[in-house]
């Protein structure tokens, strides 16, 4: 699933390419992907694109018509651009025609992703239950939100209501960088250590963004280009390979029903 860095990359790309553009019409090839609020009075074109923003793993595309598209890519969702003469890619479920004549298309082989078309009158808010964004919350807030809970660290960091944006890849990478075992109780970690973890999280996510994100199975940007950060993973999906810090072989365990990669020496359970 695309996590914060991958969604940030797509949001930035769409913001550049949609700048000043309007969506004139749309086509739906699979009705379960594009969701309308029946009470919002939607319909017609989406006028001039204003900005693209991201919160956690969600992107928000805002238009001057006060309407917006909220997107969650889930497992395999991706956007691409095509002209009228270019055939649709397989698994394309929604298309938006731009005032340039070009089409913005959304493809999703597993069809788990969703696009919400919302207006100021919409009663739906897909972001309502999310915690603060992992790249925007302050160090004191990070420390407080973790230290006040007794849950194991990995499922706590995966909980989007606590901190939004982290998934399996970057939680494993962050816990390794912080030398914290994923099953350690959150409230057992000193505040100073959690403060260091906040800094490590910001550094990790920014580094992943600079390297185009992680392409493990299917992630590509809007130009169809794979990310590169998977080549810099320290533990994720590296079972049996030596730890870059101490040389101990990386081990795969299961934590909260999620495959998890750790260095048994660097991340001892205390």
Protein backbone atom coordinates (compact mmCIF):
# COMPACT_ATOMS: atom_id res chain seq x y z
CA UNK A 1 0.00 0.00 0.00
CA UNK A 2 1.33 3.48 -0.81
CA UNK A 3 2.27 5.19 2.43
CA UNK A 4 2.97 8.83 3.26
CA UNK A 5 6.02 9.29 0.97
CA UNK A 6 4.36 7.68 -2.05
CA UNK A 7 1.13 9.65 -1.61
CA UNK A 8 3.16 12.86 -1.20
CA UNK A 9 4.94 12.15 -4.49
CA UNK A 10 1.66 11.61 -6.35
CA UNK A 11 0.09 14.70 -4.75
CA UNK A 12 3.01 16.89 -5.83
CA UNK A 13 2.93 15.50 -9.36
CA UNK A 14 -0.81 16.06 -9.74
CA UNK A 15 -0.49 19.57 -8.30
CA UNK A 16 2.11 20.47 -10.94
CA UNK A 17 0.25 18.93 -13.86
CA UNK A 18 -3.24 20.14 -12.90
CA UNK A 19 -2.19 23.73 -12.09
CA UNK A 20 -4.75 26.11 -13.59
CA UNK A 21 -6.65 23.29 -15.30
CA UNK A 22 -10.35 22.48 -15.10
CA UNK A 23 -12.08 19.10 -15.30
CA UNK A 24 -14.85 19.27 -17.90
CA UNK A 25 -16.39 15.82 -17.56
CA UNK A 26 -15.77 12.41 -16.09
CA UNK A 27 -16.39 8.81 -17.04
CA UNK A 28 -16.92 5.97 -14.60
CA UNK A 29 -16.06 2.43 -15.69
CA UNK A 30 -16.56 0.91 -12.25
CA UNK A 31 -19.12 2.71 -10.06
CA UNK A 32 -17.78 1.51 -6.72
CA UNK A 33 -14.60 3.58 -7.00
CA UNK A 34 -15.95 7.14 -7.38
CA UNK A 35 -18.26 8.06 -4.50
CA UNK A 36 -20.69 11.01 -4.57
CA UNK A 37 -22.55 12.52 -1.66
CA UNK A 38 -26.18 12.46 -2.93
CA UNK A 39 -27.03 15.53 -0.85
CA UNK A 40 -24.13 17.69 -1.95
CA UNK A 41 -25.59 19.00 -5.20
CA UNK A 42 -22.68 17.80 -7.30
CA UNK A 43 -22.47 17.68 -11.04
CA UNK A 44 -21.03 19.62 -13.93
CA UNK A 45 -17.40 20.61 -14.33
CA UNK A 46 -14.77 20.98 -11.62
CA UNK A 47 -13.52 24.49 -12.28
CA UNK A 48 -9.97 25.74 -11.98
CA UNK A 49 -7.65 23.51 -9.92
CA UNK A 50 -6.36 25.38 -6.87
CA UNK A 51 -4.13 23.09 -4.86
CA UNK A 52 -3.28 19.56 -3.88
CA UNK A 53 -2.72 18.64 -0.25
CA UNK A 54 -2.03 15.42 1.63
CA UNK A 55 -3.02 14.19 5.06
CA UNK A 56 -1.59 10.83 6.04
CA UNK A 57 -2.25 8.47 3.13
CA UNK A 58 -5.04 10.63 1.68
CA UNK A 59 -4.70 13.31 -0.98
CA UNK A 60 -7.10 16.23 -1.40
CA UNK A 61 -7.44 17.96 -4.78
CA UNK A 62 -9.21 21.30 -4.37
CA UNK A 63 -10.94 23.32 -7.11
CA UNK A 64 -12.15 26.93 -7.27
CA UNK A 65 -15.73 25.64 -7.58
CA UNK A 66 -15.39 24.74 -3.85
CA UNK A 67 -15.52 21.09 -4.77
CA UNK A 68 -12.76 18.65 -4.03
CA UNK A 69 -11.64 15.14 -4.78
CA UNK A 70 -10.37 13.15 -1.80
CA UNK A 71 -8.35 10.10 -2.84
CA UNK A 72 -7.12 7.03 -1.01
CA UNK A 73 -4.99 4.82 -3.27
CA UNK A 74 -5.18 1.83 -0.89
CA UNK A 75 -3.24 -1.17 -2.27
CA UNK A 76 -2.82 -0.65 -6.02
CA UNK A 77 -4.41 2.67 -6.99
CA UNK A 78 -2.50 4.92 -9.42
CA UNK A 79 -3.12 7.93 -11.65
CA UNK A 80 -1.85 8.44 -15.18
CA UNK A 81 -2.40 10.92 -18.00
CA UNK A 82 -3.38 10.01 -21.54
CA UNK A 83 -4.49 11.79 -24.69
CA UNK A 84 -7.66 10.89 -26.57
CA UNK A 85 -5.82 8.61 -29.00
CA UNK A 86 -4.11 6.54 -26.32
CA UNK A 87 -5.97 3.38 -25.21
CA UNK A 88 -7.02 2.96 -21.62
CA UNK A 89 -4.68 0.97 -19.44
CA UNK A 90 -6.17 -2.21 -17.97
CA UNK A 91 -8.11 -1.78 -14.71
CA UNK A 92 -8.91 1.89 -15.39
CA UNK A 93 -12.07 2.71 -13.42
CA UNK A 94 -12.46 6.50 -13.56
CA UNK A 95 -11.38 9.22 -16.02
CA UNK A 96 -11.49 13.00 -15.84
CA UNK A 97 -11.23 15.08 -19.01
CA UNK A 98 -9.16 18.25 -18.67
CA UNK A 99 -9.72 21.48 -20.56
CA UNK A 100 -6.52 20.67 -22.48
CA UNK A 101 -8.22 17.64 -24.03
CA UNK A 102 -6.02 15.32 -22.01
CA UNK A 103 -7.48 12.74 -19.62
CA UNK A 104 -6.51 12.07 -16.02
CA UNK A 105 -7.20 8.38 -15.45
CA UNK A 106 -7.31 6.27 -12.30
CA UNK A 107 -6.40 2.59 -12.46
CA UNK A 108 -6.58 0.06 -9.65
CA UNK A 109 -6.25 -3.70 -10.29
CA UNK A 110 -7.57 -4.65 -6.85
CA UNK A 111 -10.26 -1.94 -6.75
CA UNK A 112 -9.71 -1.14 -3.06
CA UNK A 113 -8.97 2.55 -3.67
CA UNK A 114 -11.63 5.24 -3.41
CA UNK A 115 -12.22 8.74 -4.78
CA UNK A 116 -14.74 10.93 -2.93
CA UNK A 117 -16.23 13.86 -4.88
CA UNK A 118 -17.21 16.36 -2.18
CA UNK A 119 -18.54 19.90 -1.81
CA UNK A 120 -18.89 22.24 1.20
CA UNK A 121 -22.36 20.72 1.73
CA UNK A 122 -21.11 17.14 1.87
CA UNK A 123 -21.86 15.22 5.02
CA UNK A 124 -19.02 12.80 4.29
CA UNK A 125 -15.49 13.52 5.55
CA UNK A 126 -13.01 10.66 4.94
CA UNK A 127 -10.39 12.49 7.03
CA UNK A 128 -12.54 12.89 10.14
CA UNK A 129 -11.10 9.99 12.13
CA UNK A 130 -7.44 10.50 11.25
CA UNK A 131 -4.80 11.57 13.74
CA UNK A 132 -2.26 14.30 12.98
CA UNK A 133 -0.03 13.86 9.95
CA UNK A 134 3.31 12.20 10.70
CA UNK A 135 5.26 15.00 9.03
CA UNK A 136 3.31 17.87 10.58
CA UNK A 137 2.85 17.12 14.26
CA UNK A 138 5.29 18.69 16.70
CA UNK A 139 7.82 16.79 18.76
CA UNK A 140 5.89 17.34 22.04
CA UNK A 141 2.68 16.09 20.41
CA UNK A 142 4.48 13.02 19.00
CA UNK A 143 5.87 12.18 22.44
CA UNK A 144 2.52 12.71 24.15
CA UNK A 145 0.48 10.64 21.70
CA UNK A 146 2.84 7.67 22.07
CA UNK A 147 3.85 7.82 25.72
CA UNK A 148 0.27 7.95 27.02
CA UNK A 149 -0.53 4.55 25.51
CA UNK A 150 0.48 1.07 26.67
CA UNK A 151 0.07 -0.72 23.31
CA UNK A 152 2.93 -2.38 21.47
CA UNK A 153 4.86 0.10 19.36
CA UNK A 154 4.23 -1.36 15.93
CA UNK A 155 0.41 -1.57 16.01
CA UNK A 156 0.33 1.82 17.73
CA UNK A 157 2.32 3.48 14.92
CA UNK A 158 0.16 1.74 12.32
CA UNK A 159 -3.02 3.15 13.88
CA UNK A 160 -4.06 6.02 11.60
CA UNK A 161 -6.20 7.53 14.37
CA UNK A 162 -3.05 8.04 16.45
CA UNK A 163 -0.60 9.25 13.78
CA UNK A 164 -1.58 9.35 10.11
CA UNK A 165 0.62 8.26 7.25
CA UNK A 166 2.82 5.41 8.46
CA UNK A 167 2.38 1.86 7.16
CA UNK A 168 4.21 -1.43 7.39
CA UNK A 169 7.29 -0.35 5.44
CA UNK A 170 8.11 2.86 7.24
CA UNK A 171 7.13 1.63 10.70
CA UNK A 172 9.64 -1.22 10.39
CA UNK A 173 12.28 1.15 9.05
CA UNK A 174 11.60 3.73 11.76
CA UNK A 175 11.69 1.23 14.62
CA UNK A 176 15.02 -0.09 13.36
CA UNK A 177 16.50 3.40 13.08
CA UNK A 178 15.29 4.06 16.62
CA UNK A 179 16.60 0.69 17.91
CA UNK A 180 13.17 -0.14 19.37
CA UNK A 181 11.60 -3.59 19.30
CA UNK A 182 8.15 -3.53 17.62
CA UNK A 183 6.57 -5.37 20.57
CA UNK A 184 7.83 -2.98 23.22
CA UNK A 185 5.12 -1.17 25.19
CA UNK A 186 4.90 2.45 24.13
CA UNK A 187 4.63 3.83 27.66
CA UNK A 188 7.88 2.10 28.66
CA UNK A 189 10.00 4.25 26.35
CA UNK A 190 11.59 7.39 27.87
CA UNK A 191 10.39 10.72 26.51
CA UNK A 192 13.89 11.65 25.35
CA UNK A 193 14.05 8.47 23.27
CA UNK A 194 10.66 9.23 21.73
CA UNK A 195 11.89 12.72 20.88
CA UNK A 196 14.80 11.18 19.00
CA UNK A 197 12.32 8.90 17.23
CA UNK A 198 10.33 11.95 16.06
CA UNK A 199 13.47 13.35 14.45
CA UNK A 200 14.28 9.98 12.89
CA UNK A 201 10.75 9.73 11.47
CA UNK A 202 10.99 13.12 9.76
CA UNK A 203 14.40 12.27 8.33
CA UNK A 204 13.21 8.85 7.09
CA UNK A 205 10.06 10.13 5.39
CA UNK A 206 11.83 13.05 3.71
CA UNK A 207 14.59 10.76 2.47
CA UNK A 208 12.01 8.38 1.02
CA UNK A 209 10.25 11.26 -0.74
CA UNK A 210 13.53 12.50 -2.24
CA UNK A 211 14.15 9.00 -3.60
CA UNK A 212 10.75 8.62 -5.25
CA UNK A 213 9.18 6.40 -2.60
CA UNK A 214 9.30 2.62 -2.24
CA UNK A 215 8.13 0.41 -5.12
CA UNK A 216 7.69 -3.02 -3.55
CA UNK A 217 4.98 -4.43 -5.80
CA UNK A 218 3.07 -1.89 -7.83
CA UNK A 219 3.75 1.72 -6.85
CA UNK A 220 4.59 4.09 -9.71
CA UNK A 221 4.26 7.85 -10.02
CA UNK A 222 1.98 9.61 -12.53
CA UNK A 223 4.59 9.06 -15.26
CA UNK A 224 4.75 5.33 -14.57
CA UNK A 225 8.21 5.58 -12.97
CA UNK A 226 9.15 3.26 -10.12
CA UNK A 227 10.41 4.61 -6.81
CA UNK A 228 13.97 4.00 -5.66
CA UNK A 229 13.85 4.01 -1.88
CA UNK A 230 13.32 0.24 -1.64
CA UNK A 231 17.02 0.00 -2.48
CA UNK A 232 17.86 1.82 0.76
CA UNK A 233 15.66 -0.18 3.17
CA UNK A 234 17.58 -1.23 6.26
CA UNK A 235 15.28 -4.07 7.37
CA UNK A 236 12.00 -4.23 5.44
CA UNK A 237 11.82 -7.40 3.28
CA UNK A 238 15.52 -8.15 3.96
CA UNK A 239 15.14 -11.43 5.89
CA UNK A 240 18.43 -13.32 6.08
CA UNK A 241 20.52 -10.36 4.94
CA UNK A 242 23.07 -8.72 7.28
CA UNK A 243 22.09 -5.67 9.31
CA UNK A 244 23.93 -2.65 7.94
CA UNK A 245 24.66 -1.54 11.50
CA UNK A 246 25.93 -4.67 13.26
CA UNK A 247 26.01 -7.50 10.69
CA UNK A 248 23.40 -9.66 12.46
CA UNK A 249 21.01 -11.37 10.04
CA UNK A 250 17.67 -9.63 9.64
CA UNK A 251 14.78 -11.71 11.01
CA UNK A 252 11.12 -11.77 10.01
CA UNK A 253 8.57 -12.07 12.80
CA UNK A 254 4.81 -11.48 13.04
CA UNK A 255 3.52 -8.62 15.18
CA UNK A 256 -0.21 -7.92 15.40
CA UNK A 257 -0.74 -10.20 12.39
CA UNK A 258 1.67 -8.15 10.27
CA UNK A 259 4.91 -9.38 8.75
CA UNK A 260 7.68 -7.48 10.52
CA UNK A 261 11.43 -7.25 9.89
CA UNK A 262 13.90 -6.52 12.67
CA UNK A 263 17.55 -6.81 13.63
CA UNK A 264 17.50 -9.07 16.74
CA UNK A 265 20.64 -7.39 18.09
CA UNK A 266 19.88 -3.72 17.42
CA UNK A 267 16.23 -4.07 18.45
CA UNK A 268 16.34 -6.18 21.58
CA UNK A 269 13.08 -6.51 23.45
CA UNK A 270 13.40 -4.92 26.86
